[in-house]
């Protein structure tokens, strides 16, 4: 039996919630691993031209809100990593300058 659009969206919403939790925990490999399955659920849910009802609209809004949360968290992590890499680069430059001055 083919799952209904509502069931597919419920599954996608549950997976989105899990992905947001994993992102909050810094488990980015797990987030990436879940994305193809979630994408498949969403593609299957919208493969039909059935009209959108309130349940569908609510699920889509909830999924988009979780995506926004996940994206914000990923930007925070990216910026933190960039800052750390910048600090490491400055440290290497300072070490190189110190060594060069000592010659």
Foldseek 3Di string as FASTA:
>chain_A
DDDALLVLLVVLLVLLVVLLVCLVVVVVVVNVVSVVVSVVSNCVSPVDPDDDDPSNVVSVVSSVVSVVSSVVSVVVVVVVVVVVVVVVVVVVVVVVVVVVVVD
